[in-house]
Amino acid sequence: MMKNITIELSPQEFTELLQAYQTLQMFLDKVMSPNELYRENFLSGLRSAQLEVEIGQFEEVHSFDDFLR
């Protein structure tokens, strides 16, 4: 089980972290297909979620607590 930790980032650090994530994602998109990166059950869930969004079958959330419900 993973231990919960609190990480505090400045706005600048958060921006840099997101940029690094996007850079890594763009690189992986170029060299690997999603089928190589993810397990089939994740890809199936992703396709299902995309379909739900396309047909408008979702609930808008306004807070993280809403998301957890």
C-alpha atoms as a PDB file:
ATOM      1  CA  MET A   1       0.000   0.000   0.000  1.00  0.00           C
ATOM      2  CA  MET A   2       1.308   3.430  -0.892  1.00  0.00           C
ATOM      3  CA  LYS A   3       1.784   6.012   1.806  1.00  0.00           C
ATOM      4  CA  ASN A   4      -0.052   9.319   1.360  1.00  0.00           C
ATOM      5  CA  ILE A   5       2.235  12.316   1.123  1.00  0.00           C
ATOM      6  CA  THR A   6       1.611  16.005   0.586  1.00  0.00           C
ATOM      7  CA  ILE A   7       3.556  17.776  -2.125  1.00  0.00           C
ATOM      8  CA  GLU A   8       3.557  21.539  -2.395  1.00  0.00           C
ATOM      9  CA  LEU A   9       4.518  23.111  -5.707  1.00  0.00           C
ATOM     10  CA  SER A  10       4.817  26.717  -6.689  1.00  0.00           C
ATOM     11  CA  PRO A  11       2.806  27.789  -9.725  1.00  0.00           C
ATOM     12  CA  GLN A  12       6.055  27.839 -11.727  1.00  0.00           C
ATOM     13  CA  GLU A  13       6.992  24.315 -10.610  1.00  0.00           C
ATOM     14  CA  PHE A  14       3.500  23.049 -11.450  1.00  0.00           C
ATOM     15  CA  THR A  15       3.729  24.602 -14.921  1.00  0.00           C
ATOM     16  CA  GLU A  16       7.127  22.965 -15.465  1.00  0.00           C
ATOM     17  CA  LEU A  17       5.793  19.611 -14.279  1.00  0.00           C
ATOM     18  CA  LEU A  18       2.879  19.793 -16.724  1.00  0.00           C
ATOM     19  CA  GLN A  19       5.238  20.737 -19.552  1.00  0.00           C
ATOM     20  CA  ALA A  20       7.461  17.755 -18.746  1.00  0.00           C
ATOM     21  CA  TYR A  21       4.428  15.454 -18.710  1.00  0.00           C
ATOM     22  CA  GLN A  22       3.252  16.795 -22.072  1.00  0.00           C
ATOM     23  CA  THR A  23       6.729  16.391 -23.562  1.00  0.00           C
ATOM     24  CA  LEU A  24       6.897  12.786 -22.394  1.00  0.00           C
ATOM     25  CA  GLN A  25       3.379  12.093 -23.663  1.00  0.00           C
ATOM     26  CA  MET A  26       4.163  13.543 -27.114  1.00  0.00           C
ATOM     27  CA  PHE A  27       7.331  11.445 -27.293  1.00  0.00           C
ATOM     28  CA  LEU A  28       5.546   8.235 -26.317  1.00  0.00           C
ATOM     29  CA  ASP A  29       2.749   8.980 -28.808  1.00  0.00           C
ATOM     30  CA  LYS A  30       5.363   9.140 -31.574  1.00  0.00           C
ATOM     31  CA  VAL A  31       7.205   5.938 -30.727  1.00  0.00           C
ATOM     32  CA  MET A  32       4.520   3.661 -29.268  1.00  0.00           C
ATOM     33  CA  SER A  33       0.921   2.854 -29.949  1.00  0.00           C
ATOM     34  CA  PRO A  34      -1.615   3.001 -27.097  1.00  0.00           C
ATOM     35  CA  ASN A  35      -1.869  -0.789 -27.337  1.00  0.00           C
ATOM     36  CA  GLU A  36       1.765  -1.048 -26.251  1.00  0.00           C
ATOM     37  CA  LEU A  37       1.426   1.475 -23.426  1.00  0.00           C
ATOM     38  CA  TYR A  38      -1.802   0.350 -21.784  1.00  0.00           C
ATOM     39  CA  ARG A  39      -3.530  -2.862 -20.803  1.00  0.00           C
ATOM     40  CA  GLU A  40      -6.636  -3.927 -22.673  1.00  0.00           C
ATOM     41  CA  ASN A  41      -8.980  -3.296 -19.736  1.00  0.00           C
ATOM     42  CA  PHE A  42      -7.736   0.315 -19.543  1.00  0.00           C
ATOM     43  CA  LEU A  43      -8.180   0.813 -23.297  1.00  0.00           C
ATOM     44  CA  SER A  44     -11.678  -0.664 -23.090  1.00  0.00           C
ATOM     45  CA  GLY A  45     -12.576   1.718 -20.269  1.00  0.00           C
ATOM     46  CA  LEU A  46     -11.117   4.632 -22.200  1.00  0.00           C
ATOM     47  CA  ARG A  47     -13.180   3.796 -25.298  1.00  0.00           C
ATOM     48  CA  SER A  48     -16.272   3.477 -23.132  1.00  0.00           C
ATOM     49  CA  ALA A  49     -15.620   6.854 -21.497  1.00  0.00           C
ATOM     50  CA  GLN A  50     -15.049   8.517 -24.868  1.00  0.00           C
ATOM     51  CA  LEU A  51     -18.365   7.142 -26.114  1.00  0.00           C
ATOM     52  CA  GLU A  52     -20.166   8.420 -23.009  1.00  0.00           C
ATOM     53  CA  VAL A  53     -18.742  11.904 -23.591  1.00  0.00           C
ATOM     54  CA  GLU A  54     -19.700  11.812 -27.274  1.00  0.00           C
ATOM     55  CA  ILE A  55     -23.332  10.975 -26.487  1.00  0.00           C
ATOM     56  CA  GLY A  56     -23.505  13.364 -23.537  1.00  0.00           C
ATOM     57  CA  GLN A  57     -23.870  10.664 -20.894  1.00  0.00           C
ATOM     58  CA  PHE A  58     -21.897  12.251 -18.069  1.00  0.00           C
ATOM     59  CA  GLU A  59     -22.299  14.435 -14.997  1.00  0.00           C
ATOM     60  CA  GLU A  60     -20.393  17.673 -14.645  1.00  0.00           C
ATOM     61  CA  VAL A  61     -18.430  17.950 -11.411  1.00  0.00           C
ATOM     62  CA  HIS A  62     -17.528  21.170  -9.644  1.00  0.00           C
ATOM     63  CA  SER A  63     -15.195  19.870  -6.954  1.00  0.00           C
ATOM     64  CA  PHE A  64     -12.938  16.943  -6.228  1.00  0.00           C
ATOM     65  CA  ASP A  65     -15.523  15.644  -3.736  1.00  0.00           C
ATOM     66  CA  ASP A  66     -18.103  15.556  -6.551  1.00  0.00           C
ATOM     67  CA  PHE A  67     -15.606  13.577  -8.621  1.00  0.00           C
ATOM     68  CA  LEU A  68     -15.160  10.984  -5.897  1.00  0.00           C
ATOM     69  CA  ARG A  69     -18.890  10.276  -5.646  1.00  0.00           C
END
